[in-house]
Amino acid sequence: QARLVESGGGLVQAGDSLSLSCVASGFTFRQWNMGWYHQAPGKERDAVAWINANGNAEYADSVKGRFKISRNNSNNTLFLHIDNIKPEDTGTYFCVRIAHMQAPPTIWGKGTLVTVSS
């Protein structure tokens, strides 16, 4: 059964950097496009970054320059690095598997919560 497990969330200060991880299992990770979604408190989930099987990345305009998505196919792990984190980055971050870049996810992780204090 395909599964995604995120980690790395917590309480951070505005201006800090933070790295999130997602370990995939139950499917051939290296063959799939992947992504990250962000859900701020009380709001809908928004896609923030995507990466294809070859490692090419795309970003939502709102996070370009601060977020970096990457992957390690040898250990089935997806990463999201956030620089200069802001209070509006607070929320739950979800790792997703996608069939095509920017397509709706086919599998969701349970998420990891990030809280940014100002």
Protein backbone atom coordinates (compact mmCIF):
# COMPACT_ATOMS: atom_id res chain seq x y z
CA GLN A 1 0.00 0.00 0.00
CA ALA A 2 1.38 3.38 -0.99
CA ARG A 3 2.21 5.59 1.94
CA LEU A 4 3.77 9.02 2.56
CA VAL A 5 5.05 10.07 5.99
CA GLU A 6 6.13 13.65 6.61
CA SER A 7 8.41 14.92 9.35
CA GLY A 8 10.38 17.99 10.33
CA GLY A 9 7.64 20.34 11.42
CA GLY A 10 7.65 22.28 14.67
CA LEU A 11 7.89 25.74 16.14
CA VAL A 12 10.34 28.09 14.46
CA GLN A 13 11.13 31.79 14.52
CA ALA A 14 10.43 34.08 11.59
CA GLY A 15 13.56 34.39 9.48
CA ASP A 16 14.80 30.89 10.28
CA SER A 17 15.23 28.07 7.80
CA LEU A 18 13.40 24.77 8.00
CA SER A 19 13.61 21.47 6.17
CA LEU A 20 10.75 19.03 5.88
CA SER A 21 11.07 15.41 4.82
CA CYS A 22 8.70 12.84 3.42
CA VAL A 23 9.46 9.14 3.24
CA ALA A 24 7.58 7.19 0.61
CA SER A 25 6.83 3.49 0.66
CA GLY A 26 4.67 0.98 -1.17
CA PHE A 27 5.37 2.27 -4.69
CA THR A 28 8.31 2.92 -7.01
CA PHE A 29 9.18 6.40 -5.79
CA ARG A 30 11.72 7.22 -8.48
CA GLN A 31 9.10 6.83 -11.22
CA TRP A 32 6.64 9.33 -9.76
CA ASN A 33 6.27 13.09 -9.75
CA MET A 34 5.86 14.47 -6.26
CA GLY A 35 4.80 17.68 -4.56
CA TRP A 36 4.11 19.63 -1.39
CA TYR A 37 0.90 21.34 -0.32
CA HIS A 38 0.42 23.90 2.43
CA GLN A 39 -2.73 24.40 4.45
CA ALA A 40 -2.83 27.52 6.59
CA PRO A 41 -5.16 27.51 9.60
CA GLY A 42 -8.76 27.85 8.47
CA LYS A 43 -7.86 27.84 4.78
CA GLU A 44 -7.81 25.39 1.90
CA ARG A 45 -4.80 23.38 0.87
CA ASP A 46 -2.61 25.07 -1.74
CA ALA A 47 0.10 23.49 -3.82
CA VAL A 48 3.48 25.12 -3.27
CA ALA A 49 6.04 22.95 -5.08
CA TRP A 50 6.31 20.07 -7.51
CA ILE A 51 9.19 17.94 -8.71
CA ASN A 52 9.22 15.45 -11.52
CA ALA A 53 10.90 12.08 -11.59
CA ASN A 54 13.99 13.65 -13.17
CA GLY A 55 14.34 16.26 -10.45
CA ASN A 56 12.98 19.27 -12.33
CA ALA A 57 11.12 21.58 -9.97
CA GLU A 58 8.28 24.07 -10.25
CA TYR A 59 6.96 26.46 -7.59
CA ALA A 60 3.91 28.49 -6.80
CA ASP A 61 4.59 32.18 -7.37
CA SER A 62 4.03 32.91 -3.69
CA VAL A 63 7.01 30.82 -2.59
CA LYS A 64 9.52 31.24 -5.41
CA GLY A 65 12.93 32.14 -4.10
CA ARG A 66 12.31 30.85 -0.56
CA PHE A 67 11.17 27.25 -1.02
CA LYS A 68 13.24 24.48 -2.56
CA ILE A 69 11.90 21.03 -3.31
CA SER A 70 14.28 18.13 -3.83
CA ARG A 71 14.30 14.37 -3.76
CA ASN A 72 16.60 11.46 -3.02
CA ASN A 73 15.47 8.50 -5.07
CA SER A 74 17.98 6.17 -3.42
CA ASN A 75 16.16 6.38 -0.10
CA ASN A 76 12.66 7.28 -1.32
CA THR A 77 12.66 10.68 0.33
CA LEU A 78 11.18 14.01 -0.71
CA PHE A 79 12.34 17.26 0.86
CA LEU A 80 11.10 20.82 1.20
CA HIS A 81 13.55 23.47 2.38
CA ILE A 82 12.19 26.84 3.42
CA ASP A 83 14.43 29.87 3.80
CA ASN A 84 13.50 33.10 5.58
CA ILE A 85 10.39 31.50 6.96
CA LYS A 86 7.46 33.84 7.54
CA PRO A 87 4.45 33.78 9.88
CA GLU A 88 2.21 33.17 6.86
CA ASP A 89 4.08 29.90 6.27
CA THR A 90 2.40 28.56 9.40
CA GLY A 91 0.25 25.54 8.73
CA THR A 92 0.31 21.91 7.84
CA TYR A 93 2.53 20.72 5.02
CA PHE A 94 1.48 17.68 3.06
CA CYS A 95 3.60 15.49 0.84
CA VAL A 96 1.76 14.26 -2.23
CA ARG A 97 2.21 11.95 -5.16
CA ILE A 98 1.06 13.30 -8.50
CA ALA A 99 0.63 11.78 -11.94
CA HIS A 100 1.70 14.94 -13.76
CA MET A 101 3.28 18.20 -12.71
CA GLN A 102 0.72 20.46 -11.01
CA ALA A 103 -1.95 17.76 -11.35
CA PRO A 104 -4.24 16.90 -8.42
CA PRO A 105 -2.58 14.48 -6.00
CA THR A 106 -3.27 10.78 -6.12
CA ILE A 107 -1.91 10.13 -2.62
CA TRP A 108 -1.58 12.40 0.42
CA GLY A 109 0.51 12.10 3.53
CA LYS A 110 -0.99 13.02 6.89
CA GLY A 111 1.02 16.20 7.11
CA THR A 112 3.48 17.88 9.43
CA LEU A 113 2.63 21.07 11.32
CA VAL A 114 4.83 24.14 11.12
CA THR A 115 4.26 27.09 13.42
CA VAL A 116 6.18 30.30 12.80
CA SER A 117 6.43 32.84 15.58
CA SER A 118 7.07 36.47 14.77
